[in-house]
Amino acid sequence: MKNPNMTFVVRRCGVGDISSLSDLLKVCWHATYDQMIGRDQAAQAGRHLHSKFNLGLWIARSFLSRESTVLVTTRGDEPVGYAMAQRDGSETILYSLYVHPDWQRKGIGSALLDAVIADHADAKAIRLEVLKDNASAIAWYQAKGFESYGETKFATGTSDVAAMYMDKKLARAWPMPAALSVRCKA
């Protein structure tokens, strides 16, 4: 039985997280995209995202510059969520936000999004790209205050897969602490 007061920790990723994050992203990626774009195309498009080399580069970049953010949500030692963002002028680009399928709808995605926004406290907006067929993600982002501002026929890293662009205007936030304990629904 799951603990109803389960505590999750949102924190910055470290080099020691690379292997387990790669495994988490493979699970999340295929659970999300296999049915939308097919397993082969999902594998090809996701190979770069969840490669250990690529994760290592992003984590290293986040150590070297406050412009990049790589966060993990853990339950004990187990990673259950991940977010990656980067500053672009006065805006933040949310490149990735994934929660393990077994841990979705428990507030983990919201905690990650809040932590990304807090980590880029002076950003005026946050923007992202989401596949047009990903209705659940679009609805979730809309519930969080994001609005669509454009579309493309070629989502990043794919060929002939439509995506939409969404953004959310931000009020000034407080900087994110080094680690944040969050009580989420179990």
Protein backbone atom coordinates (compact mmCIF):
# COMPACT_ATOMS: atom_id res chain seq x y z
CA MET A 1 0.00 0.00 0.00
CA LYS A 2 1.32 3.43 -0.93
CA ASN A 3 1.83 5.97 1.81
CA PRO A 4 -0.79 8.75 1.39
CA ASN A 5 1.69 11.33 2.74
CA MET A 6 4.60 10.26 0.55
CA THR A 7 7.34 12.86 0.42
CA PHE A 8 9.09 13.55 -2.84
CA VAL A 9 12.17 15.72 -3.17
CA VAL A 10 12.73 18.06 -6.10
CA ARG A 11 16.44 18.84 -6.48
CA ARG A 12 19.10 19.68 -9.00
CA CYS A 13 20.51 16.72 -10.90
CA GLY A 14 24.03 15.59 -10.27
CA VAL A 15 26.41 13.46 -12.30
CA GLY A 16 25.44 10.46 -10.16
CA ASP A 17 21.86 10.75 -11.50
CA ILE A 18 22.76 10.20 -15.17
CA SER A 19 22.18 6.45 -15.42
CA SER A 20 18.91 6.36 -13.48
CA LEU A 21 17.63 9.46 -15.33
CA SER A 22 18.38 7.82 -18.66
CA ASP A 23 16.33 4.79 -17.58
CA LEU A 24 13.48 7.01 -16.30
CA LEU A 25 13.39 9.00 -19.54
CA LYS A 26 13.25 5.86 -21.69
CA VAL A 27 10.21 4.65 -19.75
CA CYS A 28 8.49 8.06 -19.84
CA TRP A 29 9.35 8.69 -23.48
CA HIS A 30 8.01 5.39 -24.78
CA ALA A 31 4.91 5.52 -22.55
CA THR A 32 4.14 8.95 -23.99
CA TYR A 33 5.10 8.70 -27.66
CA ASP A 34 4.95 5.08 -28.88
CA GLN A 35 1.20 5.24 -29.52
CA MET A 36 1.35 8.75 -30.99
CA ILE A 37 4.18 8.42 -33.49
CA GLY A 38 5.02 4.70 -33.47
CA ARG A 39 7.65 2.84 -31.49
CA ASP A 40 10.37 3.10 -34.15
CA GLN A 41 10.02 6.84 -34.69
CA ALA A 42 9.72 7.39 -30.92
CA ALA A 43 12.91 5.39 -30.36
CA GLN A 44 14.74 7.35 -33.04
CA ALA A 45 13.54 10.75 -31.78
CA GLY A 46 14.15 9.90 -28.12
CA ARG A 47 17.58 8.35 -28.51
CA HIS A 48 19.28 11.75 -28.22
CA LEU A 49 17.10 12.97 -25.34
CA HIS A 50 17.74 10.10 -22.97
CA SER A 51 21.31 9.29 -23.94
CA LYS A 52 23.70 9.32 -20.99
CA PHE A 53 26.07 11.55 -22.95
CA ASN A 54 23.39 14.17 -23.63
CA LEU A 55 22.15 14.10 -20.03
CA GLY A 56 25.72 14.54 -18.82
CA LEU A 57 26.17 17.58 -21.04
CA TRP A 58 22.96 19.19 -19.80
CA ILE A 59 23.83 18.50 -16.16
CA ALA A 60 27.35 19.90 -16.64
CA ARG A 61 25.89 22.99 -18.33
CA SER A 62 23.55 23.49 -15.37
CA PHE A 63 26.57 23.46 -13.00
CA LEU A 64 28.40 26.03 -15.12
CA SER A 65 25.55 28.43 -15.76
CA ARG A 66 22.40 29.52 -13.94
CA GLU A 67 20.84 29.78 -17.40
CA SER A 68 20.28 25.99 -17.50
CA THR A 69 18.21 23.94 -15.08
CA VAL A 70 18.10 20.16 -14.78
CA LEU A 71 15.89 18.87 -11.97
CA VAL A 72 14.92 15.45 -10.70
CA THR A 73 12.11 14.44 -8.37
CA THR A 74 12.96 11.46 -6.20
CA ARG A 75 11.03 9.17 -3.91
CA GLY A 76 13.74 7.85 -1.64
CA ASP A 77 16.56 7.04 -4.08
CA GLU A 78 14.20 6.41 -7.00
CA PRO A 79 13.83 9.14 -9.66
CA VAL A 80 10.17 9.58 -10.57
CA GLY A 81 10.22 12.91 -12.43
CA TYR A 82 12.53 15.10 -14.47
CA ALA A 83 12.56 18.62 -15.91
CA MET A 84 15.04 20.47 -18.08
CA ALA A 85 14.87 24.15 -18.98
CA GLN A 86 17.10 26.92 -20.25
CA ARG A 87 16.95 30.68 -20.23
CA ASP A 88 16.55 32.44 -23.58
CA GLY A 89 16.68 36.19 -23.10
CA SER A 90 13.80 37.20 -20.86
CA GLU A 91 12.03 33.85 -21.28
CA THR A 92 12.59 30.29 -20.08
CA ILE A 93 12.27 27.38 -22.50
CA LEU A 94 10.96 24.20 -20.90
CA TYR A 95 12.59 21.46 -22.96
CA SER A 96 11.42 18.46 -20.96
CA LEU A 97 9.07 17.63 -18.13
CA TYR A 98 8.37 13.95 -17.54
CA VAL A 99 6.86 11.96 -14.69
CA HIS A 100 7.04 8.17 -14.51
CA PRO A 101 3.64 6.76 -15.62
CA ASP A 102 3.14 5.05 -12.22
CA TRP A 103 3.56 8.38 -10.42
CA GLN A 104 1.50 10.74 -12.59
CA ARG A 105 -1.42 12.75 -11.18
CA LYS A 106 0.20 13.08 -7.77
CA GLY A 107 1.46 16.67 -8.00
CA ILE A 108 4.99 15.77 -9.13
CA GLY A 109 4.70 17.51 -12.51
CA SER A 110 3.31 20.62 -10.82
CA ALA A 111 6.17 20.61 -8.31
CA LEU A 112 8.72 20.32 -11.13
CA LEU A 113 7.10 23.12 -13.14
CA ASP A 114 6.98 25.36 -10.05
CA ALA A 115 10.65 24.61 -9.33
CA VAL A 116 11.69 25.48 -12.91
CA ILE A 117 9.79 28.76 -12.69
CA ALA A 118 11.35 29.53 -9.29
CA ASP A 119 14.81 28.75 -10.62
CA HIS A 120 14.32 31.37 -13.35
CA ALA A 121 12.63 33.86 -11.04
CA ASP A 122 13.12 36.92 -13.23
CA ALA A 123 11.84 35.35 -16.46
CA LYS A 124 8.86 37.11 -17.98
CA ALA A 125 7.44 33.96 -19.60
CA ILE A 126 7.97 30.23 -19.96
CA ARG A 127 7.45 28.51 -23.29
CA LEU A 128 7.46 24.97 -24.65
CA GLU A 129 6.70 22.73 -27.60
CA VAL A 130 4.21 19.84 -27.30
CA LEU A 131 3.04 17.35 -29.92
CA LYS A 132 -0.44 18.19 -31.20
CA ASP A 133 -1.53 14.59 -30.57
CA ASN A 134 -0.51 14.78 -26.90
CA ALA A 135 -3.96 15.87 -25.71
CA SER A 136 -3.34 15.06 -22.05
CA ALA A 137 -0.17 17.20 -21.91
CA ILE A 138 -1.88 20.06 -23.75
CA ALA A 139 -4.80 19.96 -21.30
CA TRP A 140 -2.39 19.83 -18.34
CA TYR A 141 -0.40 22.84 -19.56
CA GLN A 142 -3.62 24.76 -20.28
CA ALA A 143 -4.77 24.04 -16.71
CA LYS A 144 -1.43 25.53 -15.56
CA GLY A 145 -2.14 28.75 -17.48
CA PHE A 146 -0.30 28.07 -20.75
CA GLU A 147 -1.79 29.29 -24.04
CA SER A 148 -1.06 28.23 -27.59
CA TYR A 149 0.79 30.77 -29.74
CA GLY A 150 1.72 28.80 -32.84
CA GLU A 151 2.21 25.49 -34.58
CA THR A 152 4.74 23.59 -36.66
CA LYS A 153 4.46 20.58 -38.98
CA PHE A 154 7.86 19.36 -37.80
CA ALA A 155 8.31 18.94 -34.05
CA THR A 156 11.89 19.21 -32.83
CA GLY A 157 13.81 16.02 -33.59
CA THR A 158 11.09 14.52 -35.80
CA SER A 159 9.98 14.55 -39.39
CA ASP A 160 6.35 15.16 -40.24
CA VAL A 161 5.07 15.20 -36.63
CA ALA A 162 2.97 18.26 -35.83
CA ALA A 163 3.52 20.24 -32.64
CA MET A 164 2.19 23.37 -31.04
CA TYR A 165 3.98 26.10 -29.14
CA MET A 166 2.63 27.22 -25.78
CA ASP A 167 3.66 29.89 -23.31
CA LYS A 168 2.70 31.34 -19.98
CA LYS A 169 3.35 34.86 -18.77
CA LEU A 170 5.00 34.88 -15.35
CA ALA A 171 4.80 37.02 -12.27
CA ARG A 172 8.00 37.44 -10.29
CA ALA A 173 8.82 34.25 -8.37
CA TRP A 174 11.23 33.44 -5.55
CA PRO A 175 14.46 31.54 -6.30
CA MET A 176 14.33 27.78 -5.85
CA PRO A 177 16.15 26.34 -2.81
CA ALA A 178 18.83 23.67 -3.37
CA ALA A 179 16.28 20.94 -2.56
CA LEU A 180 12.55 21.14 -2.03
CA SER A 181 10.50 18.54 -0.16
CA VAL A 182 7.02 18.22 -1.56
CA ARG A 183 4.14 16.20 -0.18
CA CYS A 184 2.33 14.67 -3.10
CA LYS A 185 -0.72 12.46 -3.36
CA ALA A 186 0.14 8.77 -3.35
